[in-house]
Amino acid sequence: MTKQIATAVLTIAAIILGTNNAQAQNTTATTTVNITLNDVISIDAGSTAIGNTVDFNYATAADYNSDQTITKANSLKVTSTKNFNVKVKAGGANFLNGTNTIPV
């Protein structure tokens, strides 16, 4: 018990004496920060359009004479800090998604 009291007294004394000797700087400083933001346009690295595969299988003459459609989620992700246009060529009068159509 005496050891615990002595330890507590020494700890409190160290805290009190230590805080009296602490001195912080009371000055301010200014600096200039330059940030350069360059234009960026890219296709997302997670996009199917980069490094992934979209497989079309042409096994018969009929395959060569008919449209083939492959559905890939997140096929094209474009990131840009400026205006851009994405141009696509339609294979028909409408874009189709299940029963939904968008006229071309």
PDB file of N, CA and C in Angstrom:
ATOM      1  N   MET A   1       0.825  -1.185   0.000  1.00  0.00           N
ATOM      2  CA  MET A   1       0.000   0.000   0.000  1.00  0.00           C
ATOM      3  C   MET A   1       0.873   1.253   0.000  1.00  0.00           C
ATOM      4  N   THR A   2       1.950   1.221   0.759  1.00  0.00           N
ATOM      5  CA  THR A   2       2.863   2.358   0.836  1.00  0.00           C
ATOM      6  C   THR A   2       3.525   2.598  -0.521  1.00  0.00           C
ATOM      7  N   LYS A   3       3.859   1.505  -1.214  1.00  0.00           N
ATOM      8  CA  LYS A   3       4.462   1.619  -2.546  1.00  0.00           C
ATOM      9  C   LYS A   3       3.500   2.301  -3.515  1.00  0.00           C
ATOM     10  N   GLN A   4       2.221   1.948  -3.443  1.00  0.00           N
ATOM     11  CA  GLN A   4       1.219   2.523  -4.344  1.00  0.00           C
ATOM     12  C   GLN A   4       1.044   4.012  -4.074  1.00  0.00           C
ATOM     13  N   ILE A   5       1.033   4.397  -2.798  1.00  0.00           N
ATOM     14  CA  ILE A   5       0.892   5.818  -2.452  1.00  0.00           C
ATOM     15  C   ILE A   5       2.119   6.589  -2.927  1.00  0.00           C
ATOM     16  N   ALA A   6       3.299   6.021  -2.704  1.00  0.00           N
ATOM     17  CA  ALA A   6       4.533   6.682  -3.138  1.00  0.00           C
ATOM     18  C   ALA A   6       4.559   6.827  -4.654  1.00  0.00           C
ATOM     19  N   THR A   7       4.132   5.794  -5.375  1.00  0.00           N
ATOM     20  CA  THR A   7       4.086   5.845  -6.838  1.00  0.00           C
ATOM     21  C   THR A   7       3.099   6.907  -7.306  1.00  0.00           C
ATOM     22  N   ALA A   8       1.945   6.982  -6.668  1.00  0.00           N
ATOM     23  CA  ALA A   8       0.935   7.975  -7.036  1.00  0.00           C
ATOM     24  C   ALA A   8       1.436   9.386  -6.781  1.00  0.00           C
ATOM     25  N   VAL A   9       2.091   9.605  -5.637  1.00  0.00           N
ATOM     26  CA  VAL A   9       2.623  10.935  -5.302  1.00  0.00           C
ATOM     27  C   VAL A   9       3.701  11.343  -6.296  1.00  0.00           C
ATOM     28  N   LEU A  10       4.604  10.425  -6.626  1.00  0.00           N
ATOM     29  CA  LEU A  10       5.665  10.728  -7.595  1.00  0.00           C
ATOM     30  C   LEU A  10       5.091  11.009  -8.988  1.00  0.00           C
ATOM     31  N   THR A  11       4.069  10.269  -9.372  1.00  0.00           N
ATOM     32  CA  THR A  11       3.436  10.479 -10.680  1.00  0.00           C
ATOM     33  C   THR A  11       2.783  11.854 -10.746  1.00  0.00           C
ATOM     34  N   ILE A  12       2.042  12.208  -9.703  1.00  0.00           N
ATOM     35  CA  ILE A  12       1.374  13.518  -9.672  1.00  0.00           C
ATOM     36  C   ILE A  12       2.410  14.638  -9.663  1.00  0.00           C
ATOM     37  N   ALA A  13       3.489  14.478  -8.899  1.00  0.00           N
ATOM     38  CA  ALA A  13       4.546  15.489  -8.852  1.00  0.00           C
ATOM     39  C   ALA A  13       5.203  15.649 -10.220  1.00  0.00           C
ATOM     40  N   ALA A  14       5.439  14.548 -10.901  1.00  0.00           N
ATOM     41  CA  ALA A  14       6.055  14.610 -12.229  1.00  0.00           C
ATOM     42  C   ALA A  14       5.146  15.333 -13.213  1.00  0.00           C
ATOM     43  N   ILE A  15       3.841  15.091 -13.109  1.00  0.00           N
ATOM     44  CA  ILE A  15       2.892  15.759 -14.011  1.00  0.00           C
ATOM     45  C   ILE A  15       2.880  17.256 -13.732  1.00  0.00           C
ATOM     46  N   ILE A  16       2.817  17.635 -12.463  1.00  0.00           N
ATOM     47  CA  ILE A  16       2.765  19.058 -12.107  1.00  0.00           C
ATOM     48  C   ILE A  16       4.056  19.765 -12.505  1.00  0.00           C
ATOM     49  N   LEU A  17       5.196  19.179 -12.188  1.00  0.00           N
ATOM     50  CA  LEU A  17       6.471  19.802 -12.535  1.00  0.00           C
ATOM     51  C   LEU A  17       6.703  19.812 -14.045  1.00  0.00           C
ATOM     52  N   GLY A  18       6.254  18.773 -14.713  1.00  0.00           N
ATOM     53  CA  GLY A  18       6.436  18.692 -16.162  1.00  0.00           C
ATOM     54  C   GLY A  18       5.611  19.721 -16.908  1.00  0.00           C
ATOM     55  N   THR A  19       4.415  20.027 -16.419  1.00  0.00           N
ATOM     56  CA  THR A  19       3.568  20.992 -17.122  1.00  0.00           C
ATOM     57  C   THR A  19       4.042  22.413 -16.924  1.00  0.00           C
ATOM     58  N   ASN A  20       4.743  22.694 -15.848  1.00  0.00           N
ATOM     59  CA  ASN A  20       5.267  24.041 -15.637  1.00  0.00           C
ATOM     60  C   ASN A  20       6.426  24.343 -16.578  1.00  0.00           C
ATOM     61  N   ASN A  21       7.145  23.329 -16.991  1.00  0.00           N
ATOM     62  CA  ASN A  21       8.306  23.527 -17.844  1.00  0.00           C
ATOM     63  C   ASN A  21       7.973  23.480 -19.331  1.00  0.00           C
ATOM     64  N   ALA A  22       6.787  23.061 -19.668  1.00  0.00           N
ATOM     65  CA  ALA A  22       6.421  22.959 -21.078  1.00  0.00           C
ATOM     66  C   ALA A  22       6.166  24.351 -21.637  1.00  0.00           C
ATOM     67  N   GLN A  23       6.769  24.638 -22.786  1.00  0.00           N
ATOM     68  CA  GLN A  23       6.580  25.938 -23.426  1.00  0.00           C
ATOM     69  C   GLN A  23       6.285  25.706 -24.897  1.00  0.00           C
ATOM     70  N   ALA A  24       5.188  26.279 -25.351  1.00  0.00           N
ATOM     71  CA  ALA A  24       4.822  26.154 -26.756  1.00  0.00           C
ATOM     72  C   ALA A  24       5.185  27.440 -27.479  1.00  0.00           C
ATOM     73  N   GLN A  25       5.423  27.333 -28.761  1.00  0.00           N
ATOM     74  CA  GLN A  25       5.699  28.524 -29.556  1.00  0.00           C
ATOM     75  C   GLN A  25       4.397  29.250 -29.817  1.00  0.00           C
ATOM     76  N   ASN A  26       4.416  30.551 -29.660  1.00  0.00           N
ATOM     77  CA  ASN A  26       3.219  31.355 -29.858  1.00  0.00           C
ATOM     78  C   ASN A  26       3.425  32.277 -31.050  1.00  0.00           C
ATOM     79  N   THR A  27       3.813  31.705 -32.197  1.00  0.00           N
ATOM     80  CA  THR A  27       4.029  32.497 -33.401  1.00  0.00           C
ATOM     81  C   THR A  27       3.232  31.892 -34.542  1.00  0.00           C
ATOM     82  N   THR A  28       2.989  32.699 -35.555  1.00  0.00           N
ATOM     83  CA  THR A  28       2.294  32.211 -36.745  1.00  0.00           C
ATOM     84  C   THR A  28       3.230  32.339 -37.938  1.00  0.00           C
ATOM     85  N   ALA A  29       2.951  31.556 -38.937  1.00  0.00           N
ATOM     86  CA  ALA A  29       3.740  31.597 -40.164  1.00  0.00           C
ATOM     87  C   ALA A  29       2.792  31.461 -41.342  1.00  0.00           C
ATOM     88  N   THR A  30       3.176  32.021 -42.457  1.00  0.00           N
ATOM     89  CA  THR A  30       2.373  31.891 -43.674  1.00  0.00           C
ATOM     90  C   THR A  30       3.217  31.205 -44.734  1.00  0.00           C
ATOM     91  N   THR A  31       2.526  30.556 -45.638  1.00  0.00           N
ATOM     92  CA  THR A  31       3.208  29.892 -46.742  1.00  0.00           C
ATOM     93  C   THR A  31       2.296  29.903 -47.953  1.00  0.00           C
ATOM     94  N   THR A  32       2.857  29.751 -49.109  1.00  0.00           N
ATOM     95  CA  THR A  32       2.095  29.675 -50.350  1.00  0.00           C
ATOM     96  C   THR A  32       2.030  28.219 -50.780  1.00  0.00           C
ATOM     97  N   VAL A  33       0.824  27.768 -51.107  1.00  0.00           N
ATOM     98  CA  VAL A  33       0.627  26.400 -51.579  1.00  0.00           C
ATOM     99  C   VAL A  33       0.131  26.476 -53.011  1.00  0.00           C
ATOM    100  N   ASN A  34       0.818  25.830 -53.923  1.00  0.00           N
ATOM    101  CA  ASN A  34       0.415  25.788 -55.328  1.00  0.00           C
ATOM    102  C   ASN A  34      -0.101  24.404 -55.657  1.00  0.00           C
ATOM    103  N   ILE A  35      -1.283  24.354 -56.251  1.00  0.00           N
ATOM    104  CA  ILE A  35      -1.865  23.085 -56.678  1.00  0.00           C
ATOM    105  C   ILE A  35      -2.099  23.175 -58.178  1.00  0.00           C
ATOM    106  N   THR A  36      -1.533  22.253 -58.926  1.00  0.00           N
ATOM    107  CA  THR A  36      -1.716  22.221 -60.368  1.00  0.00           C
ATOM    108  C   THR A  36      -2.691  21.105 -60.708  1.00  0.00           C
ATOM    109  N   LEU A  37      -3.820  21.477 -61.307  1.00  0.00           N
ATOM    110  CA  LEU A  37      -4.825  20.496 -61.723  1.00  0.00           C
ATOM    111  C   LEU A  37      -4.787  20.395 -63.243  1.00  0.00           C
ATOM    112  N   ASN A  38      -4.324  19.277 -63.749  1.00  0.00           N
ATOM    113  CA  ASN A  38      -4.262  19.063 -65.189  1.00  0.00           C
ATOM    114  C   ASN A  38      -5.535  18.391 -65.673  1.00  0.00           C
ATOM    115  N   ASP A  39      -5.856  18.632 -66.953  1.00  0.00           N
ATOM    116  CA  ASP A  39      -7.009  17.960 -67.539  1.00  0.00           C
ATOM    117  C   ASP A  39      -6.743  16.463 -67.592  1.00  0.00           C
ATOM    118  N   VAL A  40      -7.775  15.703 -67.281  1.00  0.00           N
ATOM    119  CA  VAL A  40      -7.663  14.250 -67.280  1.00  0.00           C
ATOM    120  C   VAL A  40      -8.813  13.685 -68.087  1.00  0.00           C
ATOM    121  N   ILE A  41      -8.515  12.761 -68.947  1.00  0.00           N
ATOM    122  CA  ILE A  41      -9.555  11.976 -69.609  1.00  0.00           C
ATOM    123  C   ILE A  41      -9.013  10.556 -69.720  1.00  0.00           C
ATOM    124  N   SER A  42      -9.789   9.602 -69.252  1.00  0.00           N
ATOM    125  CA  SER A  42      -9.298   8.230 -69.264  1.00  0.00           C
ATOM    126  C   SER A  42     -10.458   7.256 -69.269  1.00  0.00           C
ATOM    127  N   ILE A  43     -10.139   6.035 -69.615  1.00  0.00           N
ATOM    128  CA  ILE A  43     -11.079   4.932 -69.480  1.00  0.00           C
ATOM    129  C   ILE A  43     -10.689   4.210 -68.204  1.00  0.00           C
ATOM    130  N   ASP A  44     -11.648   3.983 -67.339  1.00  0.00           N
ATOM    131  CA  ASP A  44     -11.404   3.384 -66.025  1.00  0.00           C
ATOM    132  C   ASP A  44     -10.678   2.053 -66.154  1.00  0.00           C
ATOM    133  N   ALA A  45      -9.686   1.863 -65.290  1.00  0.00           N
ATOM    134  CA  ALA A  45      -8.900   0.622 -65.320  1.00  0.00           C
ATOM    135  C   ALA A  45      -9.748  -0.606 -65.021  1.00  0.00           C
ATOM    136  N   GLY A  46     -10.883  -0.437 -64.355  1.00  0.00           N
ATOM    137  CA  GLY A  46     -11.774  -1.556 -64.070  1.00  0.00           C
ATOM    138  C   GLY A  46     -12.743  -1.825 -65.199  1.00  0.00           C
ATOM    139  N   SER A  47     -12.652  -1.031 -66.254  1.00  0.00           N
ATOM    140  CA  SER A  47     -13.565  -1.157 -67.373  1.00  0.00           C
ATOM    141  C   SER A  47     -13.227  -2.378 -68.221  1.00  0.00           C
ATOM    142  N   THR A  48     -14.247  -2.983 -68.797  1.00  0.00           N
ATOM    143  CA  THR A  48     -14.033  -4.104 -69.711  1.00  0.00           C
ATOM    144  C   THR A  48     -13.216  -3.664 -70.915  1.00  0.00           C
ATOM    145  N   ALA A  49     -13.273  -2.366 -71.226  1.00  0.00           N
ATOM    146  CA  ALA A  49     -12.579  -1.859 -72.402  1.00  0.00           C
ATOM    147  C   ALA A  49     -11.058  -1.899 -72.266  1.00  0.00           C
ATOM    148  N   ILE A  50     -10.534  -2.064 -71.067  1.00  0.00           N
ATOM    149  CA  ILE A  50      -9.083  -2.113 -70.879  1.00  0.00           C
ATOM    150  C   ILE A  50      -8.683  -3.478 -70.326  1.00  0.00           C
ATOM    151  N   GLY A  51      -7.948  -4.223 -71.110  1.00  0.00           N
ATOM    152  CA  GLY A  51      -7.336  -5.451 -70.629  1.00  0.00           C
ATOM    153  C   GLY A  51      -8.254  -6.639 -70.426  1.00  0.00           C
ATOM    154  N   ASN A  52      -9.539  -6.474 -70.548  1.00  0.00           N
ATOM    155  CA  ASN A  52     -10.441  -7.606 -70.393  1.00  0.00           C
ATOM    156  C   ASN A  52     -10.845  -8.129 -71.763  1.00  0.00           C
ATOM    157  N   THR A  53     -11.638  -9.152 -71.776  1.00  0.00           N
ATOM    158  CA  THR A  53     -11.976  -9.818 -73.023  1.00  0.00           C
ATOM    159  C   THR A  53     -13.472  -9.812 -73.261  1.00  0.00           C
ATOM    160  N   VAL A  54     -13.848  -9.498 -74.482  1.00  0.00           N
ATOM    161  CA  VAL A  54     -15.221  -9.672 -74.942  1.00  0.00           C
ATOM    162  C   VAL A  54     -15.128 -10.676 -76.088  1.00  0.00           C
ATOM    163  N   ASP A  55     -15.654 -11.866 -75.876  1.00  0.00           N
ATOM    164  CA  ASP A  55     -15.518 -12.942 -76.857  1.00  0.00           C
ATOM    165  C   ASP A  55     -16.729 -13.026 -77.774  1.00  0.00           C
ATOM    166  N   PHE A  56     -16.484 -13.015 -79.078  1.00  0.00           N
ATOM    167  CA  PHE A  56     -17.510 -13.280 -80.088  1.00  0.00           C
ATOM    168  C   PHE A  56     -17.142 -14.609 -80.742  1.00  0.00           C
ATOM    169  N   ASN A  57     -18.131 -15.458 -80.947  1.00  0.00           N
ATOM    170  CA  ASN A  57     -17.875 -16.768 -81.521  1.00  0.00           C
ATOM    171  C   ASN A  57     -18.561 -16.856 -82.881  1.00  0.00           C
ATOM    172  N   TYR A  58     -17.767 -17.006 -83.935  1.00  0.00           N
ATOM    173  CA  TYR A  58     -18.288 -17.161 -85.294  1.00  0.00           C
ATOM    174  C   TYR A  58     -18.013 -18.597 -85.733  1.00  0.00           C
ATOM    175  N   ALA A  59     -18.990 -19.475 -85.529  1.00  0.00           N
ATOM    176  CA  ALA A  59     -18.799 -20.895 -85.815  1.00  0.00           C
ATOM    177  C   ALA A  59     -19.395 -21.317 -87.153  1.00  0.00           C
ATOM    178  N   THR A  60     -20.364 -20.568 -87.643  1.00  0.00           N
ATOM    179  CA  THR A  60     -21.035 -20.948 -88.899  1.00  0.00           C
ATOM    180  C   THR A  60     -21.111 -19.738 -89.817  1.00  0.00           C
ATOM    181  N   ALA A  61     -21.483 -19.997 -91.062  1.00  0.00           N
ATOM    182  CA  ALA A  61     -21.665 -18.901 -92.016  1.00  0.00           C
ATOM    183  C   ALA A  61     -22.774 -17.967 -91.557  1.00  0.00           C
ATOM    184  N   ALA A  62     -23.803 -18.517 -90.910  1.00  0.00           N
ATOM    185  CA  ALA A  62     -24.910 -17.691 -90.411  1.00  0.00           C
ATOM    186  C   ALA A  62     -24.422 -16.700 -89.353  1.00  0.00           C
ATOM    187  N   ASP A  63     -23.436 -17.097 -88.546  1.00  0.00           N
ATOM    188  CA  ASP A  63     -22.872 -16.186 -87.539  1.00  0.00           C
ATOM    189  C   ASP A  63     -22.268 -14.947 -88.192  1.00  0.00           C
ATOM    190  N   TYR A  64     -21.631 -15.134 -89.347  1.00  0.00           N
ATOM    191  CA  TYR A  64     -21.003 -14.009 -90.039  1.00  0.00           C
ATOM    192  C   TYR A  64     -22.036 -13.074 -90.660  1.00  0.00           C
ATOM    193  N   ASN A  65     -23.221 -13.594 -90.930  1.00  0.00           N
ATOM    194  CA  ASN A  65     -24.263 -12.807 -91.591  1.00  0.00           C
ATOM    195  C   ASN A  65     -25.328 -12.282 -90.638  1.00  0.00           C
ATOM    196  N   SER A  66     -25.127 -12.423 -89.341  1.00  0.00           N
ATOM    197  CA  SER A  66     -26.117 -11.934 -88.377  1.00  0.00           C
ATOM    198  C   SER A  66     -25.425 -11.098 -87.299  1.00  0.00           C
ATOM    199  N   ASP A  67     -26.220 -10.290 -86.635  1.00  0.00           N
ATOM    200  CA  ASP A  67     -25.691  -9.470 -85.542  1.00  0.00           C
ATOM    201  C   ASP A  67     -25.400 -10.339 -84.334  1.00  0.00           C
ATOM    202  N   GLN A  68     -24.340 -10.016 -83.627  1.00  0.00           N
ATOM    203  CA  GLN A  68     -24.040 -10.686 -82.367  1.00  0.00           C
ATOM    204  C   GLN A  68     -23.965  -9.630 -81.270  1.00  0.00           C
ATOM    205  N   THR A  69     -24.533  -9.952 -80.127  1.00  0.00           N
ATOM    206  CA  THR A  69     -24.544  -9.032 -78.994  1.00  0.00           C
ATOM    207  C   THR A  69     -23.958  -9.723 -77.777  1.00  0.00           C
ATOM    208  N   ILE A  70     -23.016  -9.068 -77.148  1.00  0.00           N
ATOM    209  CA  ILE A  70     -22.427  -9.553 -75.906  1.00  0.00           C
ATOM    210  C   ILE A  70     -22.692  -8.484 -74.845  1.00  0.00           C
ATOM    211  N   THR A  71     -23.312  -8.877 -73.727  1.00  0.00           N
ATOM    212  CA  THR A  71     -23.596  -7.935 -72.653  1.00  0.00           C
ATOM    213  C   THR A  71     -22.497  -8.019 -71.604  1.00  0.00           C
ATOM    214  N   LYS A  72     -21.879  -6.889 -71.310  1.00  0.00           N
ATOM    215  CA  LYS A  72     -20.837  -6.799 -70.283  1.00  0.00           C
ATOM    216  C   LYS A  72     -21.170  -5.619 -69.379  1.00  0.00           C
ATOM    217  N   ALA A  73     -21.312  -5.885 -68.080  1.00  0.00           N
ATOM    218  CA  ALA A  73     -21.563  -4.805 -67.122  1.00  0.00           C
ATOM    219  C   ALA A  73     -20.332  -3.916 -67.018  1.00  0.00           C
ATOM    220  N   ASN A  74     -20.542  -2.638 -66.804  1.00  0.00           N
ATOM    221  CA  ASN A  74     -19.456  -1.656 -66.637  1.00  0.00           C
ATOM    222  C   ASN A  74     -18.465  -1.696 -67.793  1.00  0.00           C
ATOM    223  N   SER A  75     -18.984  -1.823 -68.996  1.00  0.00           N
ATOM    224  CA  SER A  75     -18.122  -1.980 -70.156  1.00  0.00           C
ATOM    225  C   SER A  75     -17.305  -0.749 -70.483  1.00  0.00           C
ATOM    226  N   LEU A  76     -17.821   0.423 -70.194  1.00  0.00           N
ATOM    227  CA  LEU A  76     -17.083   1.631 -70.531  1.00  0.00           C
ATOM    228  C   LEU A  76     -17.296   2.665 -69.441  1.00  0.00           C
ATOM    229  N   LYS A  77     -16.246   2.930 -68.680  1.00  0.00           N
ATOM    230  CA  LYS A  77     -16.291   3.968 -67.646  1.00  0.00           C
ATOM    231  C   LYS A  77     -15.300   5.051 -68.047  1.00  0.00           C
ATOM    232  N   VAL A  78     -15.803   6.246 -68.295  1.00  0.00           N
ATOM    233  CA  VAL A  78     -14.957   7.353 -68.717  1.00  0.00           C
ATOM    234  C   VAL A  78     -14.876   8.369 -67.588  1.00  0.00           C
ATOM    235  N   THR A  79     -13.664   8.817 -67.282  1.00  0.00           N
ATOM    236  CA  THR A  79     -13.447   9.872 -66.294  1.00  0.00           C
ATOM    237  C   THR A  79     -12.815  11.052 -67.011  1.00  0.00           C
ATOM    238  N   SER A  80     -13.371  12.244 -66.789  1.00  0.00           N
ATOM    239  CA  SER A  80     -12.834  13.413 -67.462  1.00  0.00           C
ATOM    240  C   SER A  80     -13.057  14.662 -66.631  1.00  0.00           C
ATOM    241  N   THR A  81     -12.094  15.581 -66.690  1.00  0.00           N
ATOM    242  CA  THR A  81     -12.241  16.875 -66.031  1.00  0.00           C
ATOM    243  C   THR A  81     -12.693  17.939 -67.017  1.00  0.00           C
ATOM    244  N   LYS A  82     -12.949  17.547 -68.243  1.00  0.00           N
ATOM    245  CA  LYS A  82     -13.452  18.478 -69.252  1.00  0.00           C
ATOM    246  C   LYS A  82     -14.531  17.777 -70.065  1.00  0.00           C
ATOM    247  N   ASN A  83     -15.241  18.536 -70.863  1.00  0.00           N
ATOM    248  CA  ASN A  83     -16.320  17.965 -71.675  1.00  0.00           C
ATOM    249  C   ASN A  83     -15.768  16.947 -72.672  1.00  0.00           C
ATOM    250  N   PHE A  84     -16.552  15.923 -72.937  1.00  0.00           N
ATOM    251  CA  PHE A  84     -16.153  14.916 -73.910  1.00  0.00           C
ATOM    252  C   PHE A  84     -17.402  14.347 -74.568  1.00  0.00           C
ATOM    253  N   ASN A  85     -17.218  13.721 -75.698  1.00  0.00           N
ATOM    254  CA  ASN A  85     -18.304  13.054 -76.417  1.00  0.00           C
ATOM    255  C   ASN A  85     -17.979  11.575 -76.525  1.00  0.00           C
ATOM    256  N   VAL A  86     -18.982  10.757 -76.317  1.00  0.00           N
ATOM    257  CA  VAL A  86     -18.861   9.326 -76.550  1.00  0.00           C
ATOM    258  C   VAL A  86     -19.728   9.021 -77.757  1.00  0.00           C
ATOM    259  N   LYS A  87     -19.121   8.486 -78.787  1.00  0.00           N
ATOM    260  CA  LYS A  87     -19.860   8.176 -80.009  1.00  0.00           C
ATOM    261  C   LYS A  87     -19.973   6.666 -80.150  1.00  0.00           C
ATOM    262  N   VAL A  88     -21.176   6.220 -80.446  1.00  0.00           N
ATOM    263  CA  VAL A  88     -21.414   4.795 -80.660  1.00  0.00           C
ATOM    264  C   VAL A  88     -22.142   4.615 -81.978  1.00  0.00           C
ATOM    265  N   LYS A  89     -21.985   3.457 -82.543  1.00  0.00           N
ATOM    266  CA  LYS A  89     -22.682   3.132 -83.778  1.00  0.00           C
ATOM    267  C   LYS A  89     -23.725   2.081 -83.455  1.00  0.00           C
ATOM    268  N   ALA A  90     -24.953   2.373 -83.795  1.00  0.00           N
ATOM    269  CA  ALA A  90     -26.046   1.448 -83.500  1.00  0.00           C
ATOM    270  C   ALA A  90     -26.177   0.418 -84.605  1.00  0.00           C
ATOM    271  N   GLY A  91     -26.540  -0.789 -84.200  1.00  0.00           N
ATOM    272  CA  GLY A  91     -26.765  -1.853 -85.162  1.00  0.00           C
ATOM    273  C   GLY A  91     -28.224  -1.951 -85.571  1.00  0.00           C
ATOM    274  N   GLY A  92     -29.056  -1.033 -85.078  1.00  0.00           N
ATOM    275  CA  GLY A  92     -30.479  -1.054 -85.396  1.00  0.00           C
ATOM    276  C   GLY A  92     -31.103   0.298 -85.113  1.00  0.00           C
ATOM    277  N   ALA A  93     -32.425   0.326 -85.128  1.00  0.00           N
ATOM    278  CA  ALA A  93     -33.151   1.581 -84.935  1.00  0.00           C
ATOM    279  C   ALA A  93     -33.210   1.998 -83.471  1.00  0.00           C
ATOM    280  N   ASN A  94     -32.948   1.068 -82.531  1.00  0.00           N
ATOM    281  CA  ASN A  94     -33.052   1.354 -81.101  1.00  0.00           C
ATOM    282  C   ASN A  94     -31.926   0.676 -80.331  1.00  0.00           C
ATOM    283  N   PHE A  95     -31.556   1.293 -79.208  1.00  0.00           N
ATOM    284  CA  PHE A  95     -30.753   0.590 -78.221  1.00  0.00           C
ATOM    285  C   PHE A  95     -31.724  -0.232 -77.395  1.00  0.00           C
ATOM    286  N   LEU A  96     -31.348  -1.455 -77.051  1.00  0.00           N
ATOM    287  CA  LEU A  96     -32.245  -2.337 -76.310  1.00  0.00           C
ATOM    288  C   LEU A  96     -31.624  -2.743 -74.985  1.00  0.00           C
ATOM    289  N   ASN A  97     -32.469  -2.769 -73.942  1.00  0.00           N
ATOM    290  CA  ASN A  97     -32.076  -3.285 -72.636  1.00  0.00           C
ATOM    291  C   ASN A  97     -33.279  -4.039 -72.101  1.00  0.00           C
ATOM    292  N   GLY A  98     -33.293  -5.339 -72.296  1.00  0.00           N
ATOM    293  CA  GLY A  98     -34.471  -6.129 -71.921  1.00  0.00           C
ATOM    294  C   GLY A  98     -35.647  -5.700 -72.779  1.00  0.00           C
ATOM    295  N   THR A  99     -36.707  -5.208 -72.152  1.00  0.00           N
ATOM    296  CA  THR A  99     -37.869  -4.722 -72.904  1.00  0.00           C
ATOM    297  C   THR A  99     -37.808  -3.219 -73.118  1.00  0.00           C
ATOM    298  N   ASN A 100     -36.786  -2.552 -72.604  1.00  0.00           N
ATOM    299  CA  ASN A 100     -36.651  -1.103 -72.759  1.00  0.00           C
ATOM    300  C   ASN A 100     -35.934  -0.774 -74.056  1.00  0.00           C
ATOM    301  N   THR A 101     -36.410   0.250 -74.735  1.00  0.00           N
ATOM    302  CA  THR A 101     -35.761   0.687 -75.965  1.00  0.00           C
ATOM    303  C   THR A 101     -35.484   2.181 -75.895  1.00  0.00           C
ATOM    304  N   ILE A 102     -34.385   2.576 -76.510  1.00  0.00           N
ATOM    305  CA  ILE A 102     -34.044   3.989 -76.652  1.00  0.00           C
ATOM    306  C   ILE A 102     -33.847   4.229 -78.141  1.00  0.00           C
ATOM    307  N   PRO A 103     -34.653   5.111 -78.739  1.00  0.00           N
ATOM    308  CA  PRO A 103     -34.491   5.376 -80.177  1.00  0.00           C
ATOM    309  C   PRO A 103     -33.122   5.983 -80.476  1.00  0.00           C
ATOM    310  N   VAL A 104     -32.563   5.568 -81.598  1.00  0.00           N
ATOM    311  CA  VAL A 104     -31.265   6.100 -82.017  1.00  0.00           C
ATOM    312  C   VAL A 104     -31.489   7.305 -82.890  1.00  0.00           C
TER     313      VAL A 104
END
